[in-house]
Amino acid sequence: MRPLCRIKALVVTIVALSFSVATGGDEDVLKALERIKAAVEAGASPEELAPLLDEAKIHIDQLQRGDVRKDCFRAATRRSHYWYGLGVKSWGALIENEKQRDRYRRKAEYGEHDMKDISWKMVENYDKLIKQAQEALPSKWEYGNAALDRARQCLDQ
């Protein structure tokens, strides 16, 4: 991890930990999900988002044991966490695909002659995967945000 990324990860973790004091089950869940949303908007990496997802999961699990009358809120917070988690996993896979594509590109440029065609084909395939992932990733964040908005609406009812 680059030094700037480490500093950014440390700041995100410190902020997450500073807000983890319990103020009430519903509010804790909303705050945890809001921190994920803010970190995504700030461009945090998947590694920086992982502790925020873990914290939100803890609060959501605690909420599941609570008042049954809040089914709408519980479902919305679970859905929001699901989509944010799926976004983080997809983003991590996207980064890994970019690394693989770059490895095959180096093999195609500098590798053995008989493997260059195969390596270029792999580069093309990874380019397609990356493009599809880049197009799909924003919708995962949007679904997570929409579910978070729904959770707020459920509390207001």
N, C-alpha and C. Protein backbone atom coordinates (compact mmCIF):
# COMPACT_ATOMS: atom_id res chain seq x y z
N MET A 1 0.85 -1.17 0.00
CA MET A 1 0.00 0.00 0.00
C MET A 1 0.90 1.24 0.00
N ARG A 2 0.55 2.21 -0.83
CA ARG A 2 1.34 3.44 -0.91
C ARG A 2 1.19 4.25 0.37
N PRO A 3 2.20 5.09 0.71
CA PRO A 3 2.14 5.86 1.96
C PRO A 3 0.90 6.75 2.06
N LEU A 4 0.51 7.41 0.96
CA LEU A 4 -0.66 8.27 0.99
C LEU A 4 -1.92 7.46 1.26
N CYS A 5 -2.00 6.27 0.68
CA CYS A 5 -3.15 5.39 0.92
C CYS A 5 -3.19 4.93 2.37
N ARG A 6 -2.02 4.66 2.93
CA ARG A 6 -1.98 4.24 4.34
C ARG A 6 -2.48 5.36 5.25
N ILE A 7 -2.07 6.58 4.95
CA ILE A 7 -2.52 7.72 5.75
C ILE A 7 -4.03 7.88 5.62
N LYS A 8 -4.52 7.77 4.38
CA LYS A 8 -5.96 7.89 4.14
C LYS A 8 -6.72 6.79 4.87
N ALA A 9 -6.20 5.56 4.83
CA ALA A 9 -6.84 4.45 5.52
C ALA A 9 -6.86 4.69 7.03
N LEU A 10 -5.76 5.21 7.56
CA LEU A 10 -5.68 5.49 8.98
C LEU A 10 -6.70 6.54 9.39
N VAL A 11 -6.83 7.59 8.58
CA VAL A 11 -7.79 8.65 8.89
C VAL A 11 -9.22 8.11 8.86
N VAL A 12 -9.54 7.32 7.84
CA VAL A 12 -10.89 6.75 7.74
C VAL A 12 -11.16 5.84 8.93
N THR A 13 -10.18 5.03 9.32
CA THR A 13 -10.36 4.13 10.46
C THR A 13 -10.54 4.91 11.75
N ILE A 14 -9.75 5.96 11.96
CA ILE A 14 -9.88 6.77 13.18
C ILE A 14 -11.24 7.43 13.24
N VAL A 15 -11.69 7.97 12.10
CA VAL A 15 -13.02 8.59 12.06
C VAL A 15 -14.09 7.55 12.38
N ALA A 16 -13.96 6.36 11.80
CA ALA A 16 -14.94 5.30 12.05
C ALA A 16 -14.97 4.92 13.53
N LEU A 17 -13.81 4.77 14.13
CA LEU A 17 -13.75 4.39 15.53
C LEU A 17 -14.25 5.49 16.45
N SER A 18 -14.02 6.74 16.07
CA SER A 18 -14.45 7.84 16.93
C SER A 18 -15.97 7.97 16.96
N PHE A 19 -16.64 7.46 15.93
CA PHE A 19 -18.09 7.54 15.89
C PHE A 19 -18.77 6.28 16.40
N SER A 20 -18.01 5.30 16.85
CA SER A 20 -18.61 4.01 17.18
C SER A 20 -19.21 3.95 18.58
N VAL A 21 -19.25 5.05 19.30
CA VAL A 21 -19.88 5.07 20.61
C VAL A 21 -21.39 4.95 20.41
N ALA A 22 -22.01 4.05 21.13
CA ALA A 22 -23.44 3.79 20.95
C ALA A 22 -24.28 4.95 21.43
N THR A 23 -25.22 5.39 20.59
CA THR A 23 -26.15 6.46 20.96
C THR A 23 -27.58 5.98 20.82
N GLY A 24 -27.78 4.77 20.42
CA GLY A 24 -29.11 4.21 20.18
C GLY A 24 -29.02 3.34 18.94
N GLY A 25 -29.69 2.22 18.97
CA GLY A 25 -29.57 1.24 17.90
C GLY A 25 -29.82 1.78 16.51
N ASP A 26 -30.96 2.46 16.32
CA ASP A 26 -31.29 2.96 15.00
C ASP A 26 -30.28 4.00 14.52
N GLU A 27 -29.94 4.90 15.40
CA GLU A 27 -29.00 5.96 15.03
C GLU A 27 -27.61 5.40 14.74
N ASP A 28 -27.20 4.40 15.49
CA ASP A 28 -25.89 3.78 15.25
C ASP A 28 -25.82 3.18 13.85
N VAL A 29 -26.87 2.49 13.47
CA VAL A 29 -26.91 1.87 12.14
C VAL A 29 -26.87 2.94 11.07
N LEU A 30 -27.68 3.96 11.22
CA LEU A 30 -27.71 5.04 10.22
C LEU A 30 -26.35 5.73 10.12
N LYS A 31 -25.75 6.01 11.26
CA LYS A 31 -24.44 6.68 11.24
C LYS A 31 -23.38 5.80 10.58
N ALA A 32 -23.41 4.52 10.88
CA ALA A 32 -22.43 3.60 10.28
C ALA A 32 -22.59 3.55 8.76
N LEU A 33 -23.83 3.48 8.30
CA LEU A 33 -24.08 3.45 6.86
C LEU A 33 -23.75 4.79 6.21
N GLU A 34 -24.01 5.87 6.92
CA GLU A 34 -23.65 7.20 6.41
C GLU A 34 -22.13 7.34 6.24
N ARG A 35 -21.37 6.74 7.17
CA ARG A 35 -19.90 6.79 7.06
C ARG A 35 -19.44 6.03 5.81
N ILE A 36 -20.11 4.92 5.52
CA ILE A 36 -19.76 4.18 4.30
C ILE A 36 -20.05 5.04 3.08
N LYS A 37 -21.23 5.64 3.07
CA LYS A 37 -21.63 6.49 1.94
C LYS A 37 -20.62 7.63 1.76
N ALA A 38 -20.24 8.29 2.85
CA ALA A 38 -19.29 9.40 2.77
C ALA A 38 -17.92 8.93 2.29
N ALA A 39 -17.50 7.76 2.75
CA ALA A 39 -16.19 7.24 2.34
C ALA A 39 -16.20 6.89 0.85
N VAL A 40 -17.30 6.34 0.36
CA VAL A 40 -17.41 6.03 -1.07
C VAL A 40 -17.33 7.31 -1.88
N GLU A 41 -18.06 8.32 -1.43
CA GLU A 41 -18.06 9.60 -2.14
C GLU A 41 -16.69 10.28 -2.09
N ALA A 42 -15.93 10.00 -1.03
CA ALA A 42 -14.58 10.58 -0.90
C ALA A 42 -13.54 9.79 -1.69
N GLY A 43 -13.94 8.66 -2.25
CA GLY A 43 -13.02 7.86 -3.06
C GLY A 43 -12.16 6.89 -2.27
N ALA A 44 -12.66 6.45 -1.13
CA ALA A 44 -11.91 5.48 -0.33
C ALA A 44 -11.74 4.17 -1.10
N SER A 45 -10.66 3.48 -0.80
CA SER A 45 -10.38 2.20 -1.46
C SER A 45 -11.17 1.08 -0.79
N PRO A 46 -11.24 -0.09 -1.44
CA PRO A 46 -11.92 -1.22 -0.81
C PRO A 46 -11.32 -1.57 0.56
N GLU A 47 -10.00 -1.46 0.69
CA GLU A 47 -9.36 -1.76 1.97
C GLU A 47 -9.78 -0.77 3.05
N GLU A 48 -10.04 0.47 2.66
CA GLU A 48 -10.46 1.49 3.62
C GLU A 48 -11.94 1.33 3.99
N LEU A 49 -12.71 0.78 3.08
CA LEU A 49 -14.14 0.59 3.34
C LEU A 49 -14.43 -0.65 4.18
N ALA A 50 -13.55 -1.62 4.16
CA ALA A 50 -13.79 -2.88 4.87
C ALA A 50 -14.09 -2.69 6.36
N PRO A 51 -13.30 -1.88 7.11
CA PRO A 51 -13.64 -1.72 8.53
C PRO A 51 -14.97 -1.00 8.75
N LEU A 52 -15.33 -0.13 7.83
CA LEU A 52 -16.61 0.56 7.96
C LEU A 52 -17.77 -0.41 7.73
N LEU A 53 -17.60 -1.31 6.78
CA LEU A 53 -18.61 -2.34 6.54
C LEU A 53 -18.75 -3.26 7.75
N ASP A 54 -17.61 -3.63 8.35
CA ASP A 54 -17.64 -4.49 9.53
C ASP A 54 -18.37 -3.81 10.68
N GLU A 55 -18.09 -2.53 10.88
CA GLU A 55 -18.75 -1.80 11.96
C GLU A 55 -20.26 -1.73 11.72
N ALA A 56 -20.67 -1.44 10.48
CA ALA A 56 -22.09 -1.37 10.16
C ALA A 56 -22.75 -2.73 10.39
N LYS A 57 -22.07 -3.80 10.03
CA LYS A 57 -22.62 -5.15 10.20
C LYS A 57 -22.87 -5.45 11.68
N ILE A 58 -21.97 -5.02 12.53
CA ILE A 58 -22.14 -5.23 13.97
C ILE A 58 -23.41 -4.53 14.46
N HIS A 59 -23.58 -3.28 14.05
CA HIS A 59 -24.77 -2.52 14.47
C HIS A 59 -26.05 -3.12 13.89
N ILE A 60 -26.00 -3.57 12.65
CA ILE A 60 -27.17 -4.18 12.03
C ILE A 60 -27.53 -5.48 12.74
N ASP A 61 -26.54 -6.28 13.09
CA ASP A 61 -26.80 -7.53 13.81
C ASP A 61 -27.42 -7.26 15.18
N GLN A 62 -26.96 -6.22 15.86
CA GLN A 62 -27.54 -5.86 17.15
C GLN A 62 -28.98 -5.41 16.98
N LEU A 63 -29.25 -4.71 15.90
CA LEU A 63 -30.60 -4.23 15.63
C LEU A 63 -31.55 -5.38 15.36
N GLN A 64 -31.06 -6.45 14.78
CA GLN A 64 -31.91 -7.60 14.44
C GLN A 64 -32.52 -8.23 15.68
N ARG A 65 -31.87 -8.06 16.80
CA ARG A 65 -32.37 -8.66 18.04
C ARG A 65 -33.36 -7.74 18.76
N GLY A 66 -33.63 -6.59 18.18
CA GLY A 66 -34.44 -5.58 18.85
C GLY A 66 -35.92 -5.66 18.54
N ASP A 67 -36.54 -4.51 18.53
CA ASP A 67 -37.99 -4.34 18.37
C ASP A 67 -38.47 -4.88 17.02
N VAL A 68 -39.46 -5.74 17.05
CA VAL A 68 -39.99 -6.37 15.84
C VAL A 68 -40.79 -5.37 15.00
N ARG A 69 -41.25 -4.29 15.59
CA ARG A 69 -42.07 -3.32 14.87
C ARG A 69 -41.26 -2.56 13.82
N LYS A 70 -39.98 -2.69 13.82
CA LYS A 70 -39.14 -1.93 12.89
C LYS A 70 -38.66 -2.78 11.72
N ASP A 71 -39.50 -3.65 11.21
CA ASP A 71 -39.12 -4.53 10.11
C ASP A 71 -38.72 -3.76 8.86
N CYS A 72 -39.43 -2.70 8.55
CA CYS A 72 -39.11 -1.88 7.38
C CYS A 72 -37.70 -1.32 7.51
N PHE A 73 -37.37 -0.78 8.66
CA PHE A 73 -36.05 -0.20 8.91
C PHE A 73 -34.97 -1.26 8.84
N ARG A 74 -35.22 -2.39 9.46
CA ARG A 74 -34.23 -3.48 9.45
C ARG A 74 -33.95 -3.96 8.03
N ALA A 75 -35.00 -4.17 7.28
CA ALA A 75 -34.83 -4.65 5.90
C ALA A 75 -34.07 -3.64 5.06
N ALA A 76 -34.37 -2.37 5.22
CA ALA A 76 -33.69 -1.33 4.45
C ALA A 76 -32.21 -1.23 4.83
N THR A 77 -31.91 -1.34 6.11
CA THR A 77 -30.50 -1.26 6.51
C THR A 77 -29.73 -2.49 6.05
N ARG A 78 -30.35 -3.66 6.11
CA ARG A 78 -29.68 -4.87 5.59
C ARG A 78 -29.42 -4.74 4.09
N ARG A 79 -30.41 -4.21 3.38
CA ARG A 79 -30.28 -4.04 1.94
C ARG A 79 -29.16 -3.04 1.61
N SER A 80 -29.12 -1.95 2.35
CA SER A 80 -28.07 -0.95 2.13
C SER A 80 -26.69 -1.55 2.37
N HIS A 81 -26.54 -2.27 3.46
CA HIS A 81 -25.26 -2.91 3.78
C HIS A 81 -24.90 -3.93 2.71
N TYR A 82 -25.87 -4.68 2.24
CA TYR A 82 -25.63 -5.67 1.18
C TYR A 82 -25.07 -5.00 -0.07
N TRP A 83 -25.72 -3.93 -0.53
CA TRP A 83 -25.27 -3.28 -1.76
C TRP A 83 -23.91 -2.62 -1.59
N TYR A 84 -23.67 -1.99 -0.44
CA TYR A 84 -22.34 -1.41 -0.20
C TYR A 84 -21.28 -2.52 -0.18
N GLY A 85 -21.59 -3.62 0.47
CA GLY A 85 -20.65 -4.74 0.51
C GLY A 85 -20.39 -5.32 -0.87
N LEU A 86 -21.44 -5.45 -1.66
CA LEU A 86 -21.28 -5.94 -3.02
C LEU A 86 -20.44 -4.97 -3.85
N GLY A 87 -20.64 -3.69 -3.63
CA GLY A 87 -19.83 -2.68 -4.32
C GLY A 87 -18.35 -2.80 -3.96
N VAL A 88 -18.06 -3.01 -2.70
CA VAL A 88 -16.67 -3.15 -2.26
C VAL A 88 -16.04 -4.39 -2.89
N LYS A 89 -16.78 -5.50 -2.89
CA LYS A 89 -16.25 -6.73 -3.50
C LYS A 89 -16.03 -6.54 -5.00
N SER A 90 -16.98 -5.90 -5.65
CA SER A 90 -16.85 -5.67 -7.10
C SER A 90 -15.68 -4.74 -7.40
N TRP A 91 -15.51 -3.74 -6.58
CA TRP A 91 -14.40 -2.80 -6.77
C TRP A 91 -13.07 -3.52 -6.58
N GLY A 92 -12.99 -4.38 -5.57
CA GLY A 92 -11.77 -5.16 -5.37
C GLY A 92 -11.47 -6.06 -6.55
N ALA A 93 -12.52 -6.69 -7.09
CA ALA A 93 -12.34 -7.54 -8.28
C ALA A 93 -11.91 -6.71 -9.48
N LEU A 94 -12.46 -5.52 -9.61
CA LEU A 94 -12.07 -4.62 -10.70
C LEU A 94 -10.59 -4.28 -10.61
N ILE A 95 -10.12 -3.97 -9.43
CA ILE A 95 -8.70 -3.65 -9.24
C ILE A 95 -7.83 -4.85 -9.58
N GLU A 96 -8.25 -6.03 -9.14
CA GLU A 96 -7.49 -7.25 -9.43
C GLU A 96 -7.48 -7.54 -10.94
N ASN A 97 -8.60 -7.31 -11.62
CA ASN A 97 -8.64 -7.50 -13.07
C ASN A 97 -7.70 -6.53 -13.79
N GLU A 98 -7.61 -5.31 -13.29
CA GLU A 98 -6.69 -4.34 -13.89
C GLU A 98 -5.24 -4.81 -13.73
N LYS A 99 -4.93 -5.36 -12.57
CA LYS A 99 -3.57 -5.88 -12.35
C LYS A 99 -3.26 -7.03 -13.29
N GLN A 100 -4.23 -7.94 -13.44
CA GLN A 100 -4.04 -9.09 -14.33
C GLN A 100 -3.87 -8.62 -15.78
N ARG A 101 -4.68 -7.67 -16.19
CA ARG A 101 -4.57 -7.14 -17.55
C ARG A 101 -3.18 -6.55 -17.79
N ASP A 102 -2.69 -5.81 -16.80
CA ASP A 102 -1.36 -5.21 -16.93
C ASP A 102 -0.27 -6.27 -17.00
N ARG A 103 -0.43 -7.35 -16.26
CA ARG A 103 0.56 -8.45 -16.32
C ARG A 103 0.58 -9.08 -17.71
N TYR A 104 -0.60 -9.32 -18.27
CA TYR A 104 -0.66 -9.90 -19.62
C TYR A 104 -0.15 -8.91 -20.67
N ARG A 105 -0.39 -7.63 -20.45
CA ARG A 105 0.13 -6.64 -21.39
C ARG A 105 1.66 -6.67 -21.41
N ARG A 106 2.27 -6.77 -20.22
CA ARG A 106 3.74 -6.87 -20.16
C ARG A 106 4.23 -8.14 -20.85
N LYS A 107 3.51 -9.25 -20.64
CA LYS A 107 3.88 -10.49 -21.31
C LYS A 107 3.76 -10.35 -22.83
N ALA A 108 2.72 -9.65 -23.27
CA ALA A 108 2.52 -9.48 -24.72
C ALA A 108 3.61 -8.60 -25.32
N GLU A 109 4.05 -7.61 -24.57
CA GLU A 109 5.06 -6.69 -25.10
C GLU A 109 6.48 -7.26 -25.00
N TYR A 110 6.76 -7.97 -23.93
CA TYR A 110 8.14 -8.39 -23.68
C TYR A 110 8.33 -9.91 -23.60
N GLY A 111 7.25 -10.66 -23.72
CA GLY A 111 7.34 -12.10 -23.53
C GLY A 111 7.80 -12.85 -24.76
N GLU A 112 7.68 -14.15 -24.66
CA GLU A 112 8.09 -15.02 -25.76
C GLU A 112 7.18 -14.80 -26.97
N HIS A 113 7.76 -14.92 -28.14
CA HIS A 113 7.04 -14.61 -29.38
C HIS A 113 5.79 -15.46 -29.57
N ASP A 114 5.87 -16.76 -29.29
CA ASP A 114 4.73 -17.63 -29.52
C ASP A 114 3.58 -17.39 -28.52
N MET A 115 3.82 -16.67 -27.44
CA MET A 115 2.78 -16.41 -26.43
C MET A 115 2.19 -15.00 -26.57
N LYS A 116 2.73 -14.19 -27.46
CA LYS A 116 2.27 -12.80 -27.56
C LYS A 116 0.81 -12.72 -28.00
N ASP A 117 0.41 -13.52 -28.98
CA ASP A 117 -0.97 -13.47 -29.45
C ASP A 117 -1.95 -13.85 -28.34
N ILE A 118 -1.60 -14.87 -27.60
CA ILE A 118 -2.46 -15.30 -26.48
C ILE A 118 -2.53 -14.22 -25.42
N SER A 119 -1.39 -13.62 -25.13
CA SER A 119 -1.36 -12.57 -24.11
C SER A 119 -2.19 -11.36 -24.53
N TRP A 120 -2.10 -10.99 -25.82
CA TRP A 120 -2.92 -9.86 -26.29
C TRP A 120 -4.41 -10.18 -26.20
N LYS A 121 -4.76 -11.41 -26.47
CA LYS A 121 -6.17 -11.82 -26.36
C LYS A 121 -6.63 -11.73 -24.90
N MET A 122 -5.76 -12.12 -23.98
CA MET A 122 -6.10 -12.00 -22.55
C MET A 122 -6.26 -10.54 -22.16
N VAL A 123 -5.42 -9.67 -22.70
CA VAL A 123 -5.55 -8.23 -22.43
C VAL A 123 -6.92 -7.74 -22.90
N GLU A 124 -7.32 -8.15 -24.09
CA GLU A 124 -8.64 -7.78 -24.62
C GLU A 124 -9.76 -8.27 -23.71
N ASN A 125 -9.65 -9.51 -23.27
CA ASN A 125 -10.68 -10.08 -22.39
C ASN A 125 -10.77 -9.33 -21.06
N TYR A 126 -9.61 -9.03 -20.48
CA TYR A 126 -9.63 -8.28 -19.22
C TYR A 126 -10.15 -6.86 -19.43
N ASP A 127 -9.87 -6.26 -20.59
CA ASP A 127 -10.42 -4.94 -20.88
C ASP A 127 -11.94 -4.97 -20.88
N LYS A 128 -12.52 -6.03 -21.45
CA LYS A 128 -13.98 -6.18 -21.47
C LYS A 128 -14.53 -6.34 -20.06
N LEU A 129 -13.87 -7.17 -19.25
CA LEU A 129 -14.30 -7.35 -17.86
C LEU A 129 -14.25 -6.04 -17.08
N ILE A 130 -13.17 -5.31 -17.27
CA ILE A 130 -12.99 -4.04 -16.56
C ILE A 130 -14.07 -3.05 -16.98
N LYS A 131 -14.34 -2.97 -18.26
CA LYS A 131 -15.37 -2.04 -18.75
C LYS A 131 -16.73 -2.38 -18.15
N GLN A 132 -17.08 -3.66 -18.15
CA GLN A 132 -18.37 -4.07 -17.59
C GLN A 132 -18.45 -3.75 -16.10
N ALA A 133 -17.37 -4.01 -15.38
CA ALA A 133 -17.36 -3.72 -13.94
C ALA A 133 -17.46 -2.22 -13.68
N GLN A 134 -16.77 -1.42 -14.48
CA GLN A 134 -16.83 0.03 -14.30
C GLN A 134 -18.24 0.56 -14.57
N GLU A 135 -18.94 -0.04 -15.51
CA GLU A 135 -20.30 0.38 -15.80
C GLU A 135 -21.27 -0.06 -14.71
N ALA A 136 -21.03 -1.20 -14.11
CA ALA A 136 -21.96 -1.75 -13.10
C ALA A 136 -21.72 -1.20 -11.70
N LEU A 137 -20.50 -0.80 -11.40
CA LEU A 137 -20.17 -0.40 -10.02
C LEU A 137 -21.00 0.77 -9.50
N PRO A 138 -21.19 1.84 -10.27
CA PRO A 138 -21.99 2.96 -9.72
C PRO A 138 -23.39 2.57 -9.28
N SER A 139 -24.00 1.62 -9.97
CA SER A 139 -25.36 1.22 -9.59
C SER A 139 -25.38 0.56 -8.22
N LYS A 140 -24.33 -0.13 -7.86
CA LYS A 140 -24.28 -0.75 -6.53
C LYS A 140 -24.27 0.32 -5.44
N TRP A 141 -23.48 1.39 -5.65
CA TRP A 141 -23.46 2.48 -4.67
C TRP A 141 -24.83 3.17 -4.64
N GLU A 142 -25.44 3.35 -5.82
CA GLU A 142 -26.75 4.00 -5.88
C GLU A 142 -27.81 3.17 -5.15
N TYR A 143 -27.79 1.86 -5.34
CA TYR A 143 -28.75 1.01 -4.63
C TYR A 143 -28.52 1.07 -3.13
N GLY A 144 -27.26 1.10 -2.70
CA GLY A 144 -26.96 1.23 -1.28
C GLY A 144 -27.47 2.54 -0.72
N ASN A 145 -27.27 3.63 -1.49
CA ASN A 145 -27.76 4.94 -1.06
C ASN A 145 -29.28 4.98 -1.00
N ALA A 146 -29.93 4.37 -2.01
CA ALA A 146 -31.39 4.35 -2.04
C ALA A 146 -31.95 3.57 -0.85
N ALA A 147 -31.34 2.46 -0.51
CA ALA A 147 -31.80 1.68 0.64
C ALA A 147 -31.58 2.45 1.94
N LEU A 148 -30.50 3.22 2.01
CA LEU A 148 -30.25 4.06 3.19
C LEU A 148 -31.33 5.13 3.31
N ASP A 149 -31.68 5.74 2.19
CA ASP A 149 -32.77 6.73 2.20
C ASP A 149 -34.08 6.07 2.64
N ARG A 150 -34.32 4.86 2.18
CA ARG A 150 -35.53 4.13 2.58
C ARG A 150 -35.53 3.86 4.09
N ALA A 151 -34.37 3.54 4.63
CA ALA A 151 -34.27 3.30 6.08
C ALA A 151 -34.66 4.55 6.86
N ARG A 152 -34.21 5.70 6.38
CA ARG A 152 -34.59 6.97 7.03
C ARG A 152 -36.10 7.19 6.95
N GLN A 153 -36.68 6.89 5.79
CA GLN A 153 -38.13 7.03 5.63
C GLN A 153 -38.88 6.12 6.59
N CYS A 154 -38.39 4.91 6.76
CA CYS A 154 -39.04 3.97 7.68
C CYS A 154 -39.06 4.50 9.11
N LEU A 155 -37.99 5.16 9.51
CA LEU A 155 -37.94 5.72 10.86
C LEU A 155 -38.89 6.89 11.01
N ASP A 156 -39.07 7.64 9.93
CA ASP A 156 -39.94 8.81 9.98
C ASP A 156 -41.42 8.46 10.02
N GLN A 157 -41.75 7.24 9.60
CA GLN A 157 -43.18 6.83 9.56
C GLN A 157 -43.74 6.58 10.92
